[in-house]
C-alpha atoms as a PDB file:
ATOM      1  CA  MET A   1      85.723  86.511 182.851  1.00  0.00           C
ATOM      2  CA  LYS A   2      86.008  87.155 179.060  1.00  0.00           C
ATOM      3  CA  ALA A   3      86.906  90.777 179.744  1.00  0.00           C
ATOM      4  CA  VAL A   4      89.728  89.782 182.092  1.00  0.00           C
ATOM      5  CA  LEU A   5      91.113  87.311 179.550  1.00  0.00           C
ATOM      6  CA  GLY A   6      90.832  89.998 176.864  1.00  0.00           C
ATOM      7  CA  VAL A   7      92.806  92.457 179.033  1.00  0.00           C
ATOM      8  CA  LEU A   8      95.415  89.836 179.876  1.00  0.00           C
ATOM      9  CA  GLY A   9      95.752  88.852 176.222  1.00  0.00           C
ATOM     10  CA  THR A  10      96.231  92.491 175.233  1.00  0.00           C
ATOM     11  CA  LEU A  11      98.841  93.029 177.929  1.00  0.00           C
ATOM     12  CA  LEU A  12     100.642  89.908 176.821  1.00  0.00           C
ATOM     13  CA  VAL A  13     100.745  91.096 173.207  1.00  0.00           C
ATOM     14  CA  ILE A  14     102.004  94.558 174.251  1.00  0.00           C
ATOM     15  CA  GLY A  15     104.615  92.998 176.568  1.00  0.00           C
ATOM     16  CA  GLY A  16     105.758  90.635 173.816  1.00  0.00           C
ATOM     17  CA  GLY A  17     106.092  93.559 171.380  1.00  0.00           C
ATOM     18  CA  TRP A  18     108.112  95.588 173.898  1.00  0.00           C
ATOM     19  CA  PHE A  19     110.359  92.649 174.659  1.00  0.00           C
ATOM     20  CA  GLY A  20     110.978  92.089 170.922  1.00  0.00           C
ATOM     21  CA  MET A  21     111.967  95.708 170.423  1.00  0.00           C
ATOM     22  CA  TYR A  22     114.265  95.561 173.471  1.00  0.00           C
ATOM     23  CA  ARG A  23     115.939  92.406 172.143  1.00  0.00           C
ATOM     24  CA  GLY A  24     116.315  93.980 168.680  1.00  0.00           C
ATOM     25  CA  TRP A  25     117.985  97.069 170.150  1.00  0.00           C
ATOM     26  CA  ARG A  26     120.346  94.973 172.277  1.00  0.00           C
ATOM     27  CA  ASN A  27     121.246  92.788 169.255  1.00  0.00           C
ATOM     28  CA  ARG A  28     121.952  95.922 167.202  1.00  0.00           C
ATOM     29  CA  GLN A  29     124.222  97.235 169.959  1.00  0.00           C
ATOM     30  CA  SER A  30     126.163  93.954 170.049  1.00  0.00           C
ATOM     31  CA  ARG A  31     126.582  94.008 166.234  1.00  0.00           C
ATOM     32  CA  GLN A  32     127.942  97.581 166.436  1.00  0.00           C
ATOM     33  CA  ALA A  33     130.102  97.042 169.547  1.00  0.00           C
ATOM     34  CA  ASP A  34     133.352  97.352 167.522  1.00  0.00           C
ATOM     35  CA  LEU A  35     132.714 101.057 166.766  1.00  0.00           C
ATOM     36  CA  ALA A  36     135.346 103.065 168.632  1.00  0.00           C
ATOM     37  CA  PRO A  37     134.335 105.568 171.256  1.00  0.00           C
ATOM     38  CA  LEU A  38     133.656 109.109 169.999  1.00  0.00           C
ATOM     39  CA  PRO A  39     136.170 111.951 170.337  1.00  0.00           C
ATOM     40  CA  ALA A  40     135.967 113.927 173.625  1.00  0.00           C
ATOM     41  CA  VAL A  41     133.844 117.056 173.461  1.00  0.00           C
ATOM     42  CA  PRO A  42     136.024 120.226 173.670  1.00  0.00           C
ATOM     43  CA  GLU A  43     135.778 122.284 176.828  1.00  0.00           C
ATOM     44  CA  GLY A  44     133.423 125.259 176.999  1.00  0.00           C
ATOM     45  CA  LYS A  45     129.832 125.617 175.892  1.00  0.00           C
ATOM     46  CA  VAL A  46     129.229 127.375 172.630  1.00  0.00           C
ATOM     47  CA  LYS A  47     125.600 128.287 171.946  1.00  0.00           C
ATOM     48  CA  GLY A  48     124.275 126.838 168.742  1.00  0.00           C
ATOM     49  CA  VAL A  49     121.094 126.435 166.688  1.00  0.00           C
ATOM     50  CA  GLU A  50     118.232 124.936 168.741  1.00  0.00           C
ATOM     51  CA  GLY A  51     116.502 121.864 167.472  1.00  0.00           C
ATOM     52  CA  VAL A  52     116.299 118.104 167.765  1.00  0.00           C
ATOM     53  CA  TYR A  53     119.144 115.630 167.367  1.00  0.00           C
ATOM     54  CA  VAL A  54     117.327 112.904 165.477  1.00  0.00           C
ATOM     55  CA  ALA A  55     119.769 110.012 165.067  1.00  0.00           C
ATOM     56  CA  THR A  56     123.008 108.771 163.529  1.00  0.00           C
ATOM     57  CA  THR A  57     122.754 106.057 160.896  1.00  0.00           C
ATOM     58  CA  THR A  58     125.021 104.265 158.473  1.00  0.00           C
ATOM     59  CA  ALA A  59     125.506 106.617 155.485  1.00  0.00           C
ATOM     60  CA  GLY A  60     123.159 105.917 152.674  1.00  0.00           C
ATOM     61  CA  ASP A  61     120.941 103.617 154.753  1.00  0.00           C
ATOM     62  CA  TRP A  62     118.631 105.979 156.632  1.00  0.00           C
ATOM     63  CA  MET A  63     116.948 103.127 158.539  1.00  0.00           C
ATOM     64  CA  ASP A  64     120.172 101.587 159.955  1.00  0.00           C
ATOM     65  CA  ARG A  65     120.351 103.523 163.234  1.00  0.00           C
ATOM     66  CA  ILE A  66     123.640 103.380 165.181  1.00  0.00           C
ATOM     67  CA  ALA A  67     122.760 102.090 168.671  1.00  0.00           C
ATOM     68  CA  VAL A  68     126.152 102.334 170.432  1.00  0.00           C
ATOM     69  CA  HIS A  69     127.580 105.374 172.244  1.00  0.00           C
ATOM     70  CA  GLU A  70     124.054 106.835 172.485  1.00  0.00           C
ATOM     71  CA  LEU A  71     124.192 107.873 168.792  1.00  0.00           C
ATOM     72  CA  GLY A  72     120.717 106.494 168.217  1.00  0.00           C
ATOM     73  CA  VAL A  73     119.102 108.449 171.093  1.00  0.00           C
ATOM     74  CA  ARG A  74     116.806 111.201 169.929  1.00  0.00           C
ATOM     75  CA  SER A  75     116.978 114.294 172.101  1.00  0.00           C
ATOM     76  CA  THR A  76     116.473 118.017 172.233  1.00  0.00           C
ATOM     77  CA  ALA A  77     119.745 119.656 171.360  1.00  0.00           C
ATOM     78  CA  ASP A  78     121.527 122.620 169.963  1.00  0.00           C
ATOM     79  CA  LEU A  79     124.136 122.305 167.275  1.00  0.00           C
ATOM     80  CA  ALA A  80     127.201 124.536 167.508  1.00  0.00           C
ATOM     81  CA  VAL A  81     129.503 124.918 164.525  1.00  0.00           C
ATOM     82  CA  SER A  82     133.035 125.880 165.362  1.00  0.00           C
ATOM     83  CA  GLU A  83     136.515 125.712 163.710  1.00  0.00           C
ATOM     84  CA  ALA A  84     137.111 122.471 165.688  1.00  0.00           C
ATOM     85  CA  GLY A  85     133.953 120.787 164.323  1.00  0.00           C
ATOM     86  CA  LEU A  86     130.325 120.231 165.251  1.00  0.00           C
ATOM     87  CA  ILE A  87     129.123 119.869 168.768  1.00  0.00           C
ATOM     88  CA  PHE A  88     125.608 118.585 169.522  1.00  0.00           C
ATOM     89  CA  HIS A  89     124.806 119.640 173.099  1.00  0.00           C
ATOM     90  CA  ARG A  90     122.045 117.169 173.921  1.00  0.00           C
ATOM     91  CA  GLN A  91     119.592 117.071 176.863  1.00  0.00           C
ATOM     92  CA  GLY A  92     119.185 113.662 178.450  1.00  0.00           C
ATOM     93  CA  ALA A  93     122.048 112.112 176.453  1.00  0.00           C
ATOM     94  CA  SER A  94     125.783 112.669 176.144  1.00  0.00           C
ATOM     95  CA  ASP A  95     127.019 115.399 173.869  1.00  0.00           C
ATOM     96  CA  VAL A  96     128.376 114.406 170.410  1.00  0.00           C
ATOM     97  CA  PHE A  97     131.466 116.003 168.913  1.00  0.00           C
ATOM     98  CA  ILE A  98     132.353 115.547 165.236  1.00  0.00           C
ATOM     99  CA  PRO A  99     135.821 116.887 164.399  1.00  0.00           C
ATOM    100  CA  ALA A 100     135.931 119.093 161.294  1.00  0.00           C
ATOM    101  CA  ALA A 101     138.469 116.787 159.670  1.00  0.00           C
ATOM    102  CA  HIS A 102     135.897 113.929 159.785  1.00  0.00           C
ATOM    103  CA  LEU A 103     133.150 115.833 157.988  1.00  0.00           C
ATOM    104  CA  THR A 104     132.599 114.799 154.377  1.00  0.00           C
ATOM    105  CA  GLY A 105     129.222 116.317 153.425  1.00  0.00           C
ATOM    106  CA  VAL A 106     126.065 118.143 154.399  1.00  0.00           C
ATOM    107  CA  ARG A 107     122.657 118.245 152.852  1.00  0.00           C
ATOM    108  CA  THR A 108     119.005 118.793 153.658  1.00  0.00           C
ATOM    109  CA  ASP A 109     116.733 115.803 153.487  1.00  0.00           C
ATOM    110  CA  ARG A 110     113.154 114.692 154.197  1.00  0.00           C
ATOM    111  CA  GLY A 111     114.004 111.908 156.674  1.00  0.00           C
ATOM    112  CA  ILE A 112     116.314 109.731 158.682  1.00  0.00           C
ATOM    113  CA  ALA A 113     115.639 106.920 161.209  1.00  0.00           C
ATOM    114  CA  GLY A 114     112.973 108.047 163.596  1.00  0.00           C
ATOM    115  CA  LYS A 115     111.906 111.276 161.786  1.00  0.00           C
ATOM    116  CA  VAL A 116     110.310 112.026 158.446  1.00  0.00           C
ATOM    117  CA  THR A 117     109.222 115.552 157.706  1.00  0.00           C
ATOM    118  CA  ALA A 118     106.563 116.929 155.378  1.00  0.00           C
ATOM    119  CA  GLU A 119     108.945 119.342 153.713  1.00  0.00           C
ATOM    120  CA  ALA A 120     111.799 118.055 151.540  1.00  0.00           C
ATOM    121  CA  SER A 121     114.421 120.063 153.414  1.00  0.00           C
ATOM    122  CA  GLY A 122     113.231 119.612 156.995  1.00  0.00           C
ATOM    123  CA  LEU A 123     116.412 117.917 158.259  1.00  0.00           C
ATOM    124  CA  VAL A 124     120.086 118.903 158.104  1.00  0.00           C
ATOM    125  CA  VAL A 125     122.019 115.687 157.483  1.00  0.00           C
ATOM    126  CA  VAL A 126     125.756 115.692 158.125  1.00  0.00           C
ATOM    127  CA  THR A 127     127.892 112.918 156.603  1.00  0.00           C
ATOM    128  CA  TRP A 128     131.116 112.045 158.457  1.00  0.00           C
ATOM    129  CA  THR A 129     133.613 109.261 158.997  1.00  0.00           C
ATOM    130  CA  HIS A 130     134.423 107.553 162.258  1.00  0.00           C
ATOM    131  CA  ASP A 131     136.505 104.432 162.775  1.00  0.00           C
ATOM    132  CA  GLY A 132     136.493 103.638 159.073  1.00  0.00           C
ATOM    133  CA  ARG A 133     132.706 103.925 158.725  1.00  0.00           C
ATOM    134  CA  GLU A 134     130.747 106.590 156.929  1.00  0.00           C
ATOM    135  CA  LEU A 135     127.825 107.875 159.037  1.00  0.00           C
ATOM    136  CA  ASP A 136     124.933 110.320 158.620  1.00  0.00           C
ATOM    137  CA  THR A 137     123.683 112.412 161.523  1.00  0.00           C
ATOM    138  CA  GLY A 138     120.285 114.093 161.302  1.00  0.00           C
ATOM    139  CA  PHE A 139     119.352 117.326 163.004  1.00  0.00           C
ATOM    140  CA  ARG A 140     116.025 119.194 162.791  1.00  0.00           C
ATOM    141  CA  PRO A 141     116.382 122.900 163.544  1.00  0.00           C
ATOM    142  CA  ARG A 142     113.547 124.405 165.612  1.00  0.00           C
ATOM    143  CA  ARG A 143     113.153 127.194 163.156  1.00  0.00           C
ATOM    144  CA  LYS A 144     112.924 126.366 159.425  1.00  0.00           C
ATOM    145  CA  ALA A 145     114.882 129.508 158.547  1.00  0.00           C
ATOM    146  CA  ASP A 146     117.946 128.121 160.405  1.00  0.00           C
ATOM    147  CA  SER A 147     118.438 125.254 157.947  1.00  0.00           C
ATOM    148  CA  ALA A 148     120.006 127.249 155.108  1.00  0.00           C
ATOM    149  CA  GLY A 149     122.475 129.109 157.377  1.00  0.00           C
ATOM    150  CA  LEU A 150     123.435 125.925 159.231  1.00  0.00           C
ATOM    151  CA  THR A 151     124.008 124.067 155.988  1.00  0.00           C
ATOM    152  CA  ALA A 152     126.102 126.955 154.611  1.00  0.00           C
ATOM    153  CA  SER A 153     128.279 127.186 157.698  1.00  0.00           C
ATOM    154  CA  ILE A 154     128.917 123.439 157.768  1.00  0.00           C
ATOM    155  CA  SER A 155     129.742 123.450 154.021  1.00  0.00           C
ATOM    156  CA  THR A 156     132.244 126.265 154.637  1.00  0.00           C
ATOM    157  CA  LEU A 157     133.816 124.267 157.474  1.00  0.00           C
ATOM    158  CA  ILE A 158     134.119 121.207 155.195  1.00  0.00           C
ATOM    159  CA  GLY A 159     135.705 123.327 152.434  1.00  0.00           C
ATOM    160  CA  ALA A 160     138.199 124.828 154.829  1.00  0.00           C
ATOM    161  CA  GLU A 161     139.356 121.304 155.852  1.00  0.00           C
ATOM    162  CA  GLN A 162     139.917 120.045 152.334  1.00  0.00           C
END
């Protein structure tokens, strides 16, 4: 009988934790509901650098994940850099397009919501503006060697727009 009560107690604690996380995510979405929809992704599929789309957060606050428009959904992706902007082709979530005119900065960093790497330059973090807000989007290239080239091409794109 004690074993059954122990199992039920454990399930109750796990269920309560899951419900608390679900409520927190829903509350975050309602607080961010005023964020305008993202621009439409341009037609055509351009192959980019393979990696993981980690998350989009409020710029400067790497723990404040954006929950609306699937921006907080981590997924396998490839990042294509074109004259029009950045396109994150994501698996299991909608693609994200950041117009070149909205880009304000790029850097490498150690972490962003949901991912912290051992090396100081493990993530490429793009800073951009949308609907009057400044946002950071993190991307972890599959191959470490891709970080420098990706950062350089995004920097060139930002310089061309200014």
